[in-house]
Each structure stands twice: as C-alpha cells, then as structure tokens.
Amino acid sequence: MAHADSVLDHEAMAYAKGLLKPPLEKDSVLAALAAALFAAVSALAFAVAMVMAPPVTTSRLALEPSSGSSEIVSASENN
C-alpha cells in the first residue's frame, strides 16, 4: 500500500519559511549620492587649486666664469 510521506503541503511550507526569513537590507541611494557628491566637490577643489596656484619657476644661479673667460652671466640674463 502506498502512503504519503507527509500530510503537509510542501509549497505552503516553503512559502511560510520564506515569510519567516528576515528581509534583505537594501543599499541606500542617499549614501551613493553623498559619496558621488563628495568626490565631485573634492575634484573641483583640487582643479581650482591647480589653476590658482602660482606656476613653479626655477631660476638658474649665476654661472661661474671659466678660467679662459672673464664674462659673468647673471640669473636675470639667463631668462
């Protein structure tokens, strides 16, 4: 004689188990927007700092006269 393994409905039990699981936490869109805004503001701040910073200049020191030459070249004449 054939008999059923269980009297319970398997589909109903799976549905009830699904309802008992804690809900999955979703990522907040606000956090992603805040991070993107922070990145954009800091990139703009660095760009403004690069544009407004004074240019890097180097000046050459006066050249030492060689033993055969008596000519002295100053730093202002080099530029």
PDB file of N, CA and C in Angstrom:
ATOM      1  N   MET A   1       0.811  -1.166   0.000  1.00  0.00           N
ATOM      2  CA  MET A   1       0.000   0.000   0.000  1.00  0.00           C
ATOM      3  C   MET A   1       0.867   1.246   0.000  1.00  0.00           C
ATOM      4  N   ALA A   2       0.504   2.155  -0.877  1.00  0.00           N
ATOM      5  CA  ALA A   2       1.275   3.396  -0.971  1.00  0.00           C
ATOM      6  C   ALA A   2       0.756   4.390   0.051  1.00  0.00           C
ATOM      7  N   HIS A   3       1.680   5.059   0.697  1.00  0.00           N
ATOM      8  CA  HIS A   3       1.258   6.086   1.650  1.00  0.00           C
ATOM      9  C   HIS A   3       2.082   7.355   1.412  1.00  0.00           C
ATOM     10  N   ALA A   4       1.537   8.478   1.777  1.00  0.00           N
ATOM     11  CA  ALA A   4       2.208   9.766   1.575  1.00  0.00           C
ATOM     12  C   ALA A   4       3.282   9.951   2.641  1.00  0.00           C
ATOM     13  N   ASP A   5       4.368  10.590   2.268  1.00  0.00           N
ATOM     14  CA  ASP A   5       5.448  10.845   3.211  1.00  0.00           C
ATOM     15  C   ASP A   5       5.011  11.833   4.289  1.00  0.00           C
ATOM     16  N   SER A   6       4.212  12.813   3.896  1.00  0.00           N
ATOM     17  CA  SER A   6       3.818  13.833   4.839  1.00  0.00           C
ATOM     18  C   SER A   6       2.433  14.346   4.469  1.00  0.00           C
ATOM     19  N   VAL A   7       1.752  14.785   5.477  1.00  0.00           N
ATOM     20  CA  VAL A   7       0.421  15.341   5.256  1.00  0.00           C
ATOM     21  C   VAL A   7       0.523  16.824   4.901  1.00  0.00           C
ATOM     22  N   LEU A   8       1.675  17.439   5.219  1.00  0.00           N
ATOM     23  CA  LEU A   8       1.860  18.864   4.997  1.00  0.00           C
ATOM     24  C   LEU A   8       2.084  19.175   3.521  1.00  0.00           C
ATOM     25  N   ASP A   9       1.597  20.330   3.113  1.00  0.00           N
ATOM     26  CA  ASP A   9       1.779  20.782   1.734  1.00  0.00           C
ATOM     27  C   ASP A   9       3.173  21.412   1.621  1.00  0.00           C
ATOM     28  N   HIS A  10       3.998  20.907   0.741  1.00  0.00           N
ATOM     29  CA  HIS A  10       5.381  21.381   0.612  1.00  0.00           C
ATOM     30  C   HIS A  10       5.444  22.820   0.104  1.00  0.00           C
ATOM     31  N   GLU A  11       4.551  23.192  -0.798  1.00  0.00           N
ATOM     32  CA  GLU A  11       4.558  24.559  -1.315  1.00  0.00           C
ATOM     33  C   GLU A  11       4.168  25.562  -0.228  1.00  0.00           C
ATOM     34  N   ALA A  12       3.208  25.193   0.592  1.00  0.00           N
ATOM     35  CA  ALA A  12       2.781  26.077   1.675  1.00  0.00           C
ATOM     36  C   ALA A  12       3.887  26.216   2.719  1.00  0.00           C
ATOM     37  N   MET A  13       4.608  25.148   2.971  1.00  0.00           N
ATOM     38  CA  MET A  13       5.711  25.216   3.929  1.00  0.00           C
ATOM     39  C   MET A  13       6.861  26.095   3.403  1.00  0.00           C
ATOM     40  N   ALA A  14       7.154  25.991   2.114  1.00  0.00           N
ATOM     41  CA  ALA A  14       8.206  26.821   1.528  1.00  0.00           C
ATOM     42  C   ALA A  14       7.804  28.295   1.578  1.00  0.00           C
ATOM     43  N   TYR A  15       6.521  28.580   1.338  1.00  0.00           N
ATOM     44  CA  TYR A  15       6.038  29.956   1.406  1.00  0.00           C
ATOM     45  C   TYR A  15       6.145  30.495   2.834  1.00  0.00           C
ATOM     46  N   ALA A  16       5.785  29.690   3.812  1.00  0.00           N
ATOM     47  CA  ALA A  16       5.851  30.111   5.213  1.00  0.00           C
ATOM     48  C   ALA A  16       7.306  30.327   5.641  1.00  0.00           C
ATOM     49  N   LYS A  17       8.217  29.489   5.206  1.00  0.00           N
ATOM     50  CA  LYS A  17       9.626  29.674   5.528  1.00  0.00           C
ATOM     51  C   LYS A  17      10.169  30.958   4.894  1.00  0.00           C
ATOM     52  N   GLY A  18       9.719  31.259   3.689  1.00  0.00           N
ATOM     53  CA  GLY A  18      10.130  32.486   3.025  1.00  0.00           C
ATOM     54  C   GLY A  18       9.641  33.717   3.773  1.00  0.00           C
ATOM     55  N   LEU A  19       8.438  33.625   4.356  1.00  0.00           N
ATOM     56  CA  LEU A  19       7.904  34.749   5.121  1.00  0.00           C
ATOM     57  C   LEU A  19       8.641  34.946   6.440  1.00  0.00           C
ATOM     58  N   LEU A  20       9.195  33.879   6.988  1.00  0.00           N
ATOM     59  CA  LEU A  20       9.876  33.963   8.269  1.00  0.00           C
ATOM     60  C   LEU A  20      11.308  34.495   8.153  1.00  0.00           C
ATOM     61  N   LYS A  21      11.868  34.478   6.949  1.00  0.00           N
ATOM     62  CA  LYS A  21      13.231  34.984   6.767  1.00  0.00           C
ATOM     63  C   LYS A  21      13.244  36.490   6.979  1.00  0.00           C
ATOM     64  N   PRO A  22      14.318  37.010   7.591  1.00  0.00           N
ATOM     65  CA  PRO A  22      14.391  38.473   7.752  1.00  0.00           C
ATOM     66  C   PRO A  22      14.538  39.130   6.377  1.00  0.00           C
ATOM     67  N   PRO A  23      13.941  40.293   6.203  1.00  0.00           N
ATOM     68  CA  PRO A  23      14.035  40.956   4.897  1.00  0.00           C
ATOM     69  C   PRO A  23      15.472  41.395   4.606  1.00  0.00           C
ATOM     70  N   LEU A  24      15.846  41.359   3.342  1.00  0.00           N
ATOM     71  CA  LEU A  24      17.184  41.769   2.938  1.00  0.00           C
ATOM     72  C   LEU A  24      17.276  43.285   3.000  1.00  0.00           C
ATOM     73  N   GLU A  25      18.388  43.770   3.539  1.00  0.00           N
ATOM     74  CA  GLU A  25      18.601  45.210   3.619  1.00  0.00           C
ATOM     75  C   GLU A  25      19.048  45.723   2.252  1.00  0.00           C
ATOM     76  N   LYS A  26      18.412  46.784   1.813  1.00  0.00           N
ATOM     77  CA  LYS A  26      18.768  47.380   0.536  1.00  0.00           C
ATOM     78  C   LYS A  26      19.725  48.545   0.785  1.00  0.00           C
ATOM     79  N   ASP A  27      20.652  48.733  -0.139  1.00  0.00           N
ATOM     80  CA  ASP A  27      21.593  49.844  -0.026  1.00  0.00           C
ATOM     81  C   ASP A  27      20.856  51.157  -0.233  1.00  0.00           C
ATOM     82  N   SER A  28      21.247  52.134   0.524  1.00  0.00           N
ATOM     83  CA  SER A  28      20.616  53.436   0.439  1.00  0.00           C
ATOM     84  C   SER A  28      21.146  54.203  -0.768  1.00  0.00           C
ATOM     85  N   VAL A  29      20.248  54.767  -1.535  1.00  0.00           N
ATOM     86  CA  VAL A  29      20.639  55.581  -2.680  1.00  0.00           C
ATOM     87  C   VAL A  29      21.262  56.879  -2.190  1.00  0.00           C
ATOM     88  N   LEU A  30      20.816  57.340  -1.044  1.00  0.00           N
ATOM     89  CA  LEU A  30      21.340  58.584  -0.489  1.00  0.00           C
ATOM     90  C   LEU A  30      22.834  58.468  -0.181  1.00  0.00           C
ATOM     91  N   ALA A  31      23.274  57.334   0.302  1.00  0.00           N
ATOM     92  CA  ALA A  31      24.701  57.143   0.599  1.00  0.00           C
ATOM     93  C   ALA A  31      25.538  57.188  -0.680  1.00  0.00           C
ATOM     94  N   ALA A  32      25.047  56.581  -1.738  1.00  0.00           N
ATOM     95  CA  ALA A  32      25.783  56.606  -3.004  1.00  0.00           C
ATOM     96  C   ALA A  32      25.834  58.023  -3.571  1.00  0.00           C
ATOM     97  N   LEU A  33      24.740  58.757  -3.474  1.00  0.00           N
ATOM     98  CA  LEU A  33      24.727  60.134  -3.960  1.00  0.00           C
ATOM     99  C   LEU A  33      25.654  61.030  -3.139  1.00  0.00           C
ATOM    100  N   ALA A  34      25.701  60.802  -1.836  1.00  0.00           N
ATOM    101  CA  ALA A  34      26.582  61.585  -0.981  1.00  0.00           C
ATOM    102  C   ALA A  34      28.049  61.314  -1.318  1.00  0.00           C
ATOM    103  N   ALA A  35      28.388  60.077  -1.573  1.00  0.00           N
ATOM    104  CA  ALA A  35      29.766  59.738  -1.936  1.00  0.00           C
ATOM    105  C   ALA A  35      30.138  60.346  -3.287  1.00  0.00           C
ATOM    106  N   ALA A  36      29.226  60.317  -4.246  1.00  0.00           N
ATOM    107  CA  ALA A  36      29.489  60.909  -5.551  1.00  0.00           C
ATOM    108  C   ALA A  36      29.628  62.428  -5.445  1.00  0.00           C
ATOM    109  N   LEU A  37      28.800  63.049  -4.617  1.00  0.00           N
ATOM    110  CA  LEU A  37      28.884  64.493  -4.416  1.00  0.00           C
ATOM    111  C   LEU A  37      30.209  64.875  -3.768  1.00  0.00           C
ATOM    112  N   PHE A  38      30.642  64.099  -2.786  1.00  0.00           N
ATOM    113  CA  PHE A  38      31.922  64.360  -2.129  1.00  0.00           C
ATOM    114  C   PHE A  38      33.079  64.235  -3.121  1.00  0.00           C
ATOM    115  N   ALA A  39      33.043  63.222  -3.960  1.00  0.00           N
ATOM    116  CA  ALA A  39      34.109  63.036  -4.949  1.00  0.00           C
ATOM    117  C   ALA A  39      34.125  64.190  -5.949  1.00  0.00           C
ATOM    118  N   ALA A  40      32.945  64.641  -6.374  1.00  0.00           N
ATOM    119  CA  ALA A  40      32.879  65.740  -7.334  1.00  0.00           C
ATOM    120  C   ALA A  40      33.373  67.048  -6.725  1.00  0.00           C
ATOM    121  N   VAL A  41      32.986  67.326  -5.495  1.00  0.00           N
ATOM    122  CA  VAL A  41      33.413  68.566  -4.840  1.00  0.00           C
ATOM    123  C   VAL A  41      34.917  68.557  -4.604  1.00  0.00           C
ATOM    124  N   SER A  42      35.464  67.438  -4.169  1.00  0.00           N
ATOM    125  CA  SER A  42      36.905  67.394  -3.933  1.00  0.00           C
ATOM    126  C   SER A  42      37.682  67.482  -5.248  1.00  0.00           C
ATOM    127  N   ALA A  43      37.166  66.905  -6.326  1.00  0.00           N
ATOM    128  CA  ALA A  43      37.837  67.026  -7.621  1.00  0.00           C
ATOM    129  C   ALA A  43      37.828  68.476  -8.104  1.00  0.00           C
ATOM    130  N   LEU A  44      36.705  69.154  -7.917  1.00  0.00           N
ATOM    131  CA  LEU A  44      36.642  70.562  -8.298  1.00  0.00           C
ATOM    132  C   LEU A  44      37.574  71.418  -7.440  1.00  0.00           C
ATOM    133  N   ALA A  45      37.660  71.104  -6.156  1.00  0.00           N
ATOM    134  CA  ALA A  45      38.542  71.857  -5.273  1.00  0.00           C
ATOM    135  C   ALA A  45      40.004  71.685  -5.691  1.00  0.00           C
ATOM    136  N   PHE A  46      40.403  70.480  -6.035  1.00  0.00           N
ATOM    137  CA  PHE A  46      41.772  70.251  -6.486  1.00  0.00           C
ATOM    138  C   PHE A  46      42.033  70.942  -7.824  1.00  0.00           C
ATOM    139  N   ALA A  47      41.043  70.958  -8.708  1.00  0.00           N
ATOM    140  CA  ALA A  47      41.209  71.623 -10.001  1.00  0.00           C
ATOM    141  C   ALA A  47      41.375  73.131  -9.805  1.00  0.00           C
ATOM    142  N   VAL A  48      40.573  73.716  -8.927  1.00  0.00           N
ATOM    143  CA  VAL A  48      40.687  75.154  -8.654  1.00  0.00           C
ATOM    144  C   VAL A  48      42.038  75.455  -8.022  1.00  0.00           C
ATOM    145  N   ALA A  49      42.499  74.615  -7.136  1.00  0.00           N
ATOM    146  CA  ALA A  49      43.801  74.829  -6.503  1.00  0.00           C
ATOM    147  C   ALA A  49      44.925  74.757  -7.532  1.00  0.00           C
ATOM    148  N   MET A  50      44.806  73.852  -8.492  1.00  0.00           N
ATOM    149  CA  MET A  50      45.838  73.743  -9.526  1.00  0.00           C
ATOM    150  C   MET A  50      45.849  74.971 -10.427  1.00  0.00           C
ATOM    151  N   VAL A  51      44.666  75.512 -10.725  1.00  0.00           N
ATOM    152  CA  VAL A  51      44.594  76.677 -11.610  1.00  0.00           C
ATOM    153  C   VAL A  51      45.078  77.931 -10.887  1.00  0.00           C
ATOM    154  N   MET A  52      44.730  78.069  -9.627  1.00  0.00           N
ATOM    155  CA  MET A  52      45.052  79.285  -8.890  1.00  0.00           C
ATOM    156  C   MET A  52      46.455  79.280  -8.283  1.00  0.00           C
ATOM    157  N   ALA A  53      47.095  78.148  -8.226  1.00  0.00           N
ATOM    158  CA  ALA A  53      48.431  78.075  -7.641  1.00  0.00           C
ATOM    159  C   ALA A  53      49.423  78.806  -8.545  1.00  0.00           C
ATOM    160  N   PRO A  54      50.398  79.452  -7.946  1.00  0.00           N
ATOM    161  CA  PRO A  54      51.394  80.125  -8.790  1.00  0.00           C
ATOM    162  C   PRO A  54      52.224  79.092  -9.543  1.00  0.00           C
ATOM    163  N   PRO A  55      52.673  79.463 -10.725  1.00  0.00           N
ATOM    164  CA  PRO A  55      53.457  78.495 -11.503  1.00  0.00           C
ATOM    165  C   PRO A  55      54.790  78.207 -10.821  1.00  0.00           C
ATOM    166  N   VAL A  56      55.243  77.028 -11.003  1.00  0.00           N
ATOM    167  CA  VAL A  56      56.522  76.639 -10.430  1.00  0.00           C
ATOM    168  C   VAL A  56      57.613  77.202 -11.333  1.00  0.00           C
ATOM    169  N   THR A  57      58.470  78.028 -10.763  1.00  0.00           N
ATOM    170  CA  THR A  57      59.561  78.616 -11.547  1.00  0.00           C
ATOM    171  C   THR A  57      60.888  78.210 -10.932  1.00  0.00           C
ATOM    172  N   THR A  58      61.818  78.052 -11.779  1.00  0.00           N
ATOM    173  CA  THR A  58      63.173  77.768 -11.317  1.00  0.00           C
ATOM    174  C   THR A  58      64.083  78.821 -11.915  1.00  0.00           C
ATOM    175  N   SER A  59      65.021  79.265 -11.151  1.00  0.00           N
ATOM    176  CA  SER A  59      65.981  80.241 -11.671  1.00  0.00           C
ATOM    177  C   SER A  59      67.368  79.619 -11.589  1.00  0.00           C
ATOM    178  N   ARG A  60      68.114  79.892 -12.604  1.00  0.00           N
ATOM    179  CA  ARG A  60      69.467  79.346 -12.625  1.00  0.00           C
ATOM    180  C   ARG A  60      70.385  80.287 -11.863  1.00  0.00           C
ATOM    181  N   LEU A  61      71.305  79.715 -11.211  1.00  0.00           N
ATOM    182  CA  LEU A  61      72.298  80.515 -10.496  1.00  0.00           C
ATOM    183  C   LEU A  61      73.288  81.111 -11.487  1.00  0.00           C
ATOM    184  N   ALA A  62      73.940  82.153 -11.060  1.00  0.00           N
ATOM    185  CA  ALA A  62      74.956  82.768 -11.923  1.00  0.00           C
ATOM    186  C   ALA A  62      76.030  81.747 -12.241  1.00  0.00           C
ATOM    187  N   LEU A  63      76.392  81.705 -13.493  1.00  0.00           N
ATOM    188  CA  LEU A  63      77.409  80.747 -13.915  1.00  0.00           C
ATOM    189  C   LEU A  63      78.786  81.237 -13.486  1.00  0.00           C
ATOM    190  N   GLU A  64      79.562  80.316 -13.025  1.00  0.00           N
ATOM    191  CA  GLU A  64      80.933  80.647 -12.638  1.00  0.00           C
ATOM    192  C   GLU A  64      81.742  80.886 -13.909  1.00  0.00           C
ATOM    193  N   PRO A  65      82.517  81.934 -13.928  1.00  0.00           N
ATOM    194  CA  PRO A  65      83.341  82.157 -15.131  1.00  0.00           C
ATOM    195  C   PRO A  65      84.397  81.059 -15.260  1.00  0.00           C
ATOM    196  N   SER A  66      84.564  80.614 -16.462  1.00  0.00           N
ATOM    197  CA  SER A  66      85.607  79.606 -16.686  1.00  0.00           C
ATOM    198  C   SER A  66      86.968  80.293 -16.658  1.00  0.00           C
ATOM    199  N   SER A  67      87.983  79.530 -16.574  1.00  0.00           N
ATOM    200  CA  SER A  67      89.328  80.102 -16.444  1.00  0.00           C
ATOM    201  C   SER A  67      89.728  80.906 -17.682  1.00  0.00           C
ATOM    202  N   GLY A  68      89.221  80.559 -18.860  1.00  0.00           N
ATOM    203  CA  GLY A  68      89.588  81.255 -20.084  1.00  0.00           C
ATOM    204  C   GLY A  68      88.685  82.435 -20.364  1.00  0.00           C
ATOM    205  N   SER A  69      87.557  82.550 -19.680  1.00  0.00           N
ATOM    206  CA  SER A  69      86.599  83.609 -19.989  1.00  0.00           C
ATOM    207  C   SER A  69      86.403  84.500 -18.783  1.00  0.00           C
ATOM    208  N   SER A  70      86.292  85.808 -19.037  1.00  0.00           N
ATOM    209  CA  SER A  70      86.073  86.740 -17.948  1.00  0.00           C
ATOM    210  C   SER A  70      84.617  87.226 -17.913  1.00  0.00           C
ATOM    211  N   GLU A  71      83.763  86.591 -18.679  1.00  0.00           N
ATOM    212  CA  GLU A  71      82.359  87.003 -18.774  1.00  0.00           C
ATOM    213  C   GLU A  71      81.547  86.345 -17.667  1.00  0.00           C
ATOM    214  N   ILE A  72      80.724  87.119 -16.979  1.00  0.00           N
ATOM    215  CA  ILE A  72      79.861  86.593 -15.917  1.00  0.00           C
ATOM    216  C   ILE A  72      78.415  86.720 -16.384  1.00  0.00           C
ATOM    217  N   VAL A  73      77.674  85.655 -16.271  1.00  0.00           N
ATOM    218  CA  VAL A  73      76.280  85.655 -16.688  1.00  0.00           C
ATOM    219  C   VAL A  73      75.428  85.632 -15.437  1.00  0.00           C
ATOM    220  N   SER A  74      74.535  86.596 -15.317  1.00  0.00           N
ATOM    221  CA  SER A  74      73.682  86.622 -14.130  1.00  0.00           C
ATOM    222  C   SER A  74      72.410  85.828 -14.388  1.00  0.00           C
ATOM    223  N   ALA A  75      71.663  85.575 -13.323  1.00  0.00           N
ATOM    224  CA  ALA A  75      70.442  84.795 -13.416  1.00  0.00           C
ATOM    225  C   ALA A  75      69.392  85.521 -14.226  1.00  0.00           C
ATOM    226  N   SER A  76      69.335  86.856 -14.175  1.00  0.00           N
ATOM    227  CA  SER A  76      68.325  87.603 -14.914  1.00  0.00           C
ATOM    228  C   SER A  76      68.612  87.591 -16.407  1.00  0.00           C
ATOM    229  N   GLU A  77      69.851  87.449 -16.807  1.00  0.00           N
ATOM    230  CA  GLU A  77      70.187  87.398 -18.231  1.00  0.00           C
ATOM    231  C   GLU A  77      69.917  86.019 -18.817  1.00  0.00           C
ATOM    232  N   ASN A  78      69.845  85.013 -17.961  1.00  0.00           N
ATOM    233  CA  ASN A  78      69.588  83.658 -18.425  1.00  0.00           C
ATOM    234  C   ASN A  78      68.143  83.490 -18.895  1.00  0.00           C
ATOM    235  N   ASN A  79      67.236  84.177 -18.301  1.00  0.00           N
ATOM    236  CA  ASN A  79      65.814  84.015 -18.626  1.00  0.00           C
ATOM    237  C   ASN A  79      65.557  84.717 -19.891  1.00  0.00           C
TER     238      ASN A  79
END
